[in-house]
Amino acid sequence: MYDSIKVNELQALHDHVLVADMNFGQRQTSAGVILLGDDMRTVGIRPRWAQVYAIGPKQKDIKVGEWVLVTHGRWTRGVKIEDGTGEKTVRRIDTNDILLVTAEEPIDDNMSGAVLSDAKDRW
């Protein structure tokens, strides 16, 4: 594991979008049911919300600070950075796979429709 990269300013290129605050952990419903996190199999596969950290100069549809819902797997591995606000993991997302955009932080309580791939993955 490496330390975070210290930056003063970070800007994306072209029309690219960089995001932070993407949640990969398990979730719990209001009834107490635990929904497993993304473990690189079919369990936990779902779209993810992330906050826009930086945009490229040609990006006209999205603004920094907005929240975007991205199709599962349409992001890069994260790079840990440390800026004036603290440490965070930044990822580049595929702009063609942005499903929704909102100015307010969304409540991530949607239920996954993932299907288990084989019998050994069942409870």
C-alpha atoms as a PDB file:
ATOM      1  CA  MET A   1       0.000   0.000   0.000  1.00  0.00           C
ATOM      2  CA  TYR A   2       1.231   3.482  -0.760  1.00  0.00           C
ATOM      3  CA  ASP A   3       0.702   6.805   0.947  1.00  0.00           C
ATOM      4  CA  SER A   4      -1.633   9.368  -0.519  1.00  0.00           C
ATOM      5  CA  ILE A   5      -0.417  11.841  -3.105  1.00  0.00           C
ATOM      6  CA  LYS A   6      -0.424  15.425  -1.829  1.00  0.00           C
ATOM      7  CA  VAL A   7      -1.975  17.899  -4.275  1.00  0.00           C
ATOM      8  CA  ASN A   8      -2.956  21.557  -4.167  1.00  0.00           C
ATOM      9  CA  GLU A   9      -5.173  21.465  -7.246  1.00  0.00           C
ATOM     10  CA  LEU A  10      -6.386  18.669  -9.484  1.00  0.00           C
ATOM     11  CA  GLN A  11      -8.113  19.123 -12.845  1.00  0.00           C
ATOM     12  CA  ALA A  12      -9.412  16.473 -15.221  1.00  0.00           C
ATOM     13  CA  LEU A  13      -8.545  16.539 -18.926  1.00  0.00           C
ATOM     14  CA  HIS A  14     -10.895  17.064 -21.896  1.00  0.00           C
ATOM     15  CA  ASP A  15     -14.474  16.203 -20.806  1.00  0.00           C
ATOM     16  CA  HIS A  16     -13.436  13.697 -18.135  1.00  0.00           C
ATOM     17  CA  VAL A  17     -15.079  13.571 -14.704  1.00  0.00           C
ATOM     18  CA  LEU A  18     -13.235  12.693 -11.471  1.00  0.00           C
ATOM     19  CA  VAL A  19     -15.276  11.606  -8.459  1.00  0.00           C
ATOM     20  CA  ALA A  20     -14.697  10.909  -4.775  1.00  0.00           C
ATOM     21  CA  ASP A  21     -16.748   9.450  -1.917  1.00  0.00           C
ATOM     22  CA  MET A  22     -17.839   6.293  -3.767  1.00  0.00           C
ATOM     23  CA  ASN A  23     -19.129   3.724  -1.250  1.00  0.00           C
ATOM     24  CA  PHE A  24     -18.123   0.059  -1.685  1.00  0.00           C
ATOM     25  CA  GLY A  25     -19.013  -1.246   1.779  1.00  0.00           C
ATOM     26  CA  GLN A  26     -21.970  -3.264   2.933  1.00  0.00           C
ATOM     27  CA  ARG A  27     -25.286  -1.567   3.599  1.00  0.00           C
ATOM     28  CA  GLN A  28     -28.073  -2.263   6.051  1.00  0.00           C
ATOM     29  CA  THR A  29     -31.775  -1.809   5.366  1.00  0.00           C
ATOM     30  CA  SER A  30     -34.077  -0.136   7.875  1.00  0.00           C
ATOM     31  CA  ALA A  31     -35.342  -3.647   8.743  1.00  0.00           C
ATOM     32  CA  GLY A  32     -31.799  -4.724   9.685  1.00  0.00           C
ATOM     33  CA  VAL A  33     -31.040  -6.855   6.627  1.00  0.00           C
ATOM     34  CA  ILE A  34     -27.358  -6.605   5.662  1.00  0.00           C
ATOM     35  CA  LEU A  35     -26.653  -6.148   1.951  1.00  0.00           C
ATOM     36  CA  LEU A  36     -23.159  -7.359   1.147  1.00  0.00           C
ATOM     37  CA  GLY A  37     -20.535  -5.043  -0.274  1.00  0.00           C
ATOM     38  CA  ASP A  38     -18.979  -5.410  -3.706  1.00  0.00           C
ATOM     39  CA  ASP A  39     -16.626  -8.392  -3.498  1.00  0.00           C
ATOM     40  CA  MET A  40     -15.718  -8.505  -7.222  1.00  0.00           C
ATOM     41  CA  ARG A  41     -18.278 -11.231  -7.930  1.00  0.00           C
ATOM     42  CA  THR A  42     -21.986 -10.851  -8.576  1.00  0.00           C
ATOM     43  CA  VAL A  43     -22.810 -10.160  -4.924  1.00  0.00           C
ATOM     44  CA  GLY A  44     -23.085  -6.417  -4.295  1.00  0.00           C
ATOM     45  CA  ILE A  45     -23.155  -5.390  -7.951  1.00  0.00           C
ATOM     46  CA  ARG A  46     -25.134  -2.170  -8.294  1.00  0.00           C
ATOM     47  CA  PRO A  47     -24.807   1.388  -9.576  1.00  0.00           C
ATOM     48  CA  ARG A  48     -22.923   3.705  -7.201  1.00  0.00           C
ATOM     49  CA  TRP A  49     -23.337   7.337  -6.206  1.00  0.00           C
ATOM     50  CA  ALA A  50     -20.224   9.511  -6.130  1.00  0.00           C
ATOM     51  CA  GLN A  51     -19.540  13.199  -5.681  1.00  0.00           C
ATOM     52  CA  VAL A  52     -17.905  15.048  -8.567  1.00  0.00           C
ATOM     53  CA  TYR A  53     -14.439  16.163  -7.472  1.00  0.00           C
ATOM     54  CA  ALA A  54     -13.102  17.724 -10.705  1.00  0.00           C
ATOM     55  CA  ILE A  55     -14.139  18.106 -14.339  1.00  0.00           C
ATOM     56  CA  GLY A  56     -12.262  18.731 -17.562  1.00  0.00           C
ATOM     57  CA  PRO A  57     -12.556  22.072 -19.394  1.00  0.00           C
ATOM     58  CA  LYS A  58     -14.776  20.552 -22.123  1.00  0.00           C
ATOM     59  CA  GLN A  59     -17.304  19.028 -19.693  1.00  0.00           C
ATOM     60  CA  LYS A  60     -20.565  20.978 -20.012  1.00  0.00           C
ATOM     61  CA  ASP A  61     -23.145  18.638 -18.409  1.00  0.00           C
ATOM     62  CA  ILE A  62     -21.759  18.100 -14.899  1.00  0.00           C
ATOM     63  CA  LYS A  63     -20.511  20.503 -12.221  1.00  0.00           C
ATOM     64  CA  VAL A  64     -18.053  20.014  -9.367  1.00  0.00           C
ATOM     65  CA  GLY A  65     -19.885  19.155  -6.142  1.00  0.00           C
ATOM     66  CA  GLU A  66     -22.834  17.430  -7.828  1.00  0.00           C
ATOM     67  CA  TRP A  67     -23.628  13.757  -7.168  1.00  0.00           C
ATOM     68  CA  VAL A  68     -23.766  11.265 -10.043  1.00  0.00           C
ATOM     69  CA  LEU A  69     -25.114   7.708 -10.202  1.00  0.00           C
ATOM     70  CA  VAL A  70     -22.718   5.579 -12.267  1.00  0.00           C
ATOM     71  CA  THR A  71     -23.404   2.171 -13.832  1.00  0.00           C
ATOM     72  CA  HIS A  72     -21.589  -0.618 -11.987  1.00  0.00           C
ATOM     73  CA  GLY A  73     -17.932  -0.991 -12.899  1.00  0.00           C
ATOM     74  CA  ARG A  74     -17.677   2.104 -15.084  1.00  0.00           C
ATOM     75  CA  TRP A  75     -14.914   3.709 -13.018  1.00  0.00           C
ATOM     76  CA  THR A  76     -11.154   3.333 -12.642  1.00  0.00           C
ATOM     77  CA  ARG A  77      -9.268   2.061  -9.639  1.00  0.00           C
ATOM     78  CA  GLY A  78      -8.928   4.734  -7.020  1.00  0.00           C
ATOM     79  CA  VAL A  79      -5.937   6.958  -6.394  1.00  0.00           C
ATOM     80  CA  LYS A  80      -5.550   8.258  -2.849  1.00  0.00           C
ATOM     81  CA  ILE A  81      -4.889  11.970  -2.706  1.00  0.00           C
ATOM     82  CA  GLU A  82      -4.584  14.468   0.097  1.00  0.00           C
ATOM     83  CA  ASP A  83      -5.683  18.025  -0.511  1.00  0.00           C
ATOM     84  CA  GLY A  84      -6.649  20.939   1.720  1.00  0.00           C
ATOM     85  CA  THR A  85      -9.822  19.127   2.831  1.00  0.00           C
ATOM     86  CA  GLY A  86      -8.151  15.843   3.813  1.00  0.00           C
ATOM     87  CA  GLU A  87      -7.521  12.420   2.315  1.00  0.00           C
ATOM     88  CA  LYS A  88      -9.860  10.899  -0.275  1.00  0.00           C
ATOM     89  CA  THR A  89      -9.883   8.346  -3.065  1.00  0.00           C
ATOM     90  CA  VAL A  90     -10.431   9.815  -6.536  1.00  0.00           C
ATOM     91  CA  ARG A  91     -11.636   7.835  -9.565  1.00  0.00           C
ATOM     92  CA  ARG A  92     -12.289   8.687 -13.212  1.00  0.00           C
ATOM     93  CA  ILE A  93     -15.743   7.625 -14.347  1.00  0.00           C
ATOM     94  CA  ASP A  94     -17.068   6.820 -17.799  1.00  0.00           C
ATOM     95  CA  THR A  95     -19.263   9.802 -18.668  1.00  0.00           C
ATOM     96  CA  ASN A  96     -21.360   7.670 -21.049  1.00  0.00           C
ATOM     97  CA  ASP A  97     -22.507   5.594 -18.067  1.00  0.00           C
ATOM     98  CA  ILE A  98     -23.770   8.358 -15.791  1.00  0.00           C
ATOM     99  CA  LEU A  99     -27.396   7.475 -15.054  1.00  0.00           C
ATOM    100  CA  LEU A 100     -28.532  10.401 -12.862  1.00  0.00           C
ATOM    101  CA  VAL A 101     -27.239  13.739 -11.570  1.00  0.00           C
ATOM    102  CA  THR A 102     -28.373  15.625  -8.457  1.00  0.00           C
ATOM    103  CA  ALA A 103     -27.150  18.636  -6.508  1.00  0.00           C
ATOM    104  CA  GLU A 104     -28.055  17.075  -3.134  1.00  0.00           C
ATOM    105  CA  GLU A 105     -26.305  14.123  -1.513  1.00  0.00           C
ATOM    106  CA  PRO A 106     -28.551  11.126  -2.224  1.00  0.00           C
ATOM    107  CA  ILE A 107     -29.661   8.565   0.332  1.00  0.00           C
ATOM    108  CA  ASP A 108     -28.187   5.299  -0.947  1.00  0.00           C
ATOM    109  CA  ASP A 109     -30.914   2.889   0.112  1.00  0.00           C
ATOM    110  CA  ASN A 110     -31.837   1.271  -3.203  1.00  0.00           C
ATOM    111  CA  MET A 111     -31.984  -2.502  -3.203  1.00  0.00           C
ATOM    112  CA  SER A 112     -29.618  -4.464  -5.407  1.00  0.00           C
ATOM    113  CA  GLY A 113     -31.210  -6.544  -8.131  1.00  0.00           C
ATOM    114  CA  ALA A 114     -28.076  -8.684  -8.511  1.00  0.00           C
ATOM    115  CA  VAL A 115     -28.500 -12.393  -9.168  1.00  0.00           C
ATOM    116  CA  LEU A 116     -26.128 -14.913  -7.627  1.00  0.00           C
ATOM    117  CA  SER A 117     -23.985 -16.642 -10.243  1.00  0.00           C
ATOM    118  CA  ASP A 118     -23.855 -20.149  -8.793  1.00  0.00           C
ATOM    119  CA  ALA A 119     -25.256 -22.281  -5.969  1.00  0.00           C
ATOM    120  CA  LYS A 120     -22.178 -22.002  -3.719  1.00  0.00           C
ATOM    121  CA  ASP A 121     -22.793 -18.253  -3.385  1.00  0.00           C
ATOM    122  CA  ARG A 122     -26.242 -18.776  -1.861  1.00  0.00           C
ATOM    123  CA  TRP A 123     -26.855 -18.204   1.859  1.00  0.00           C
END
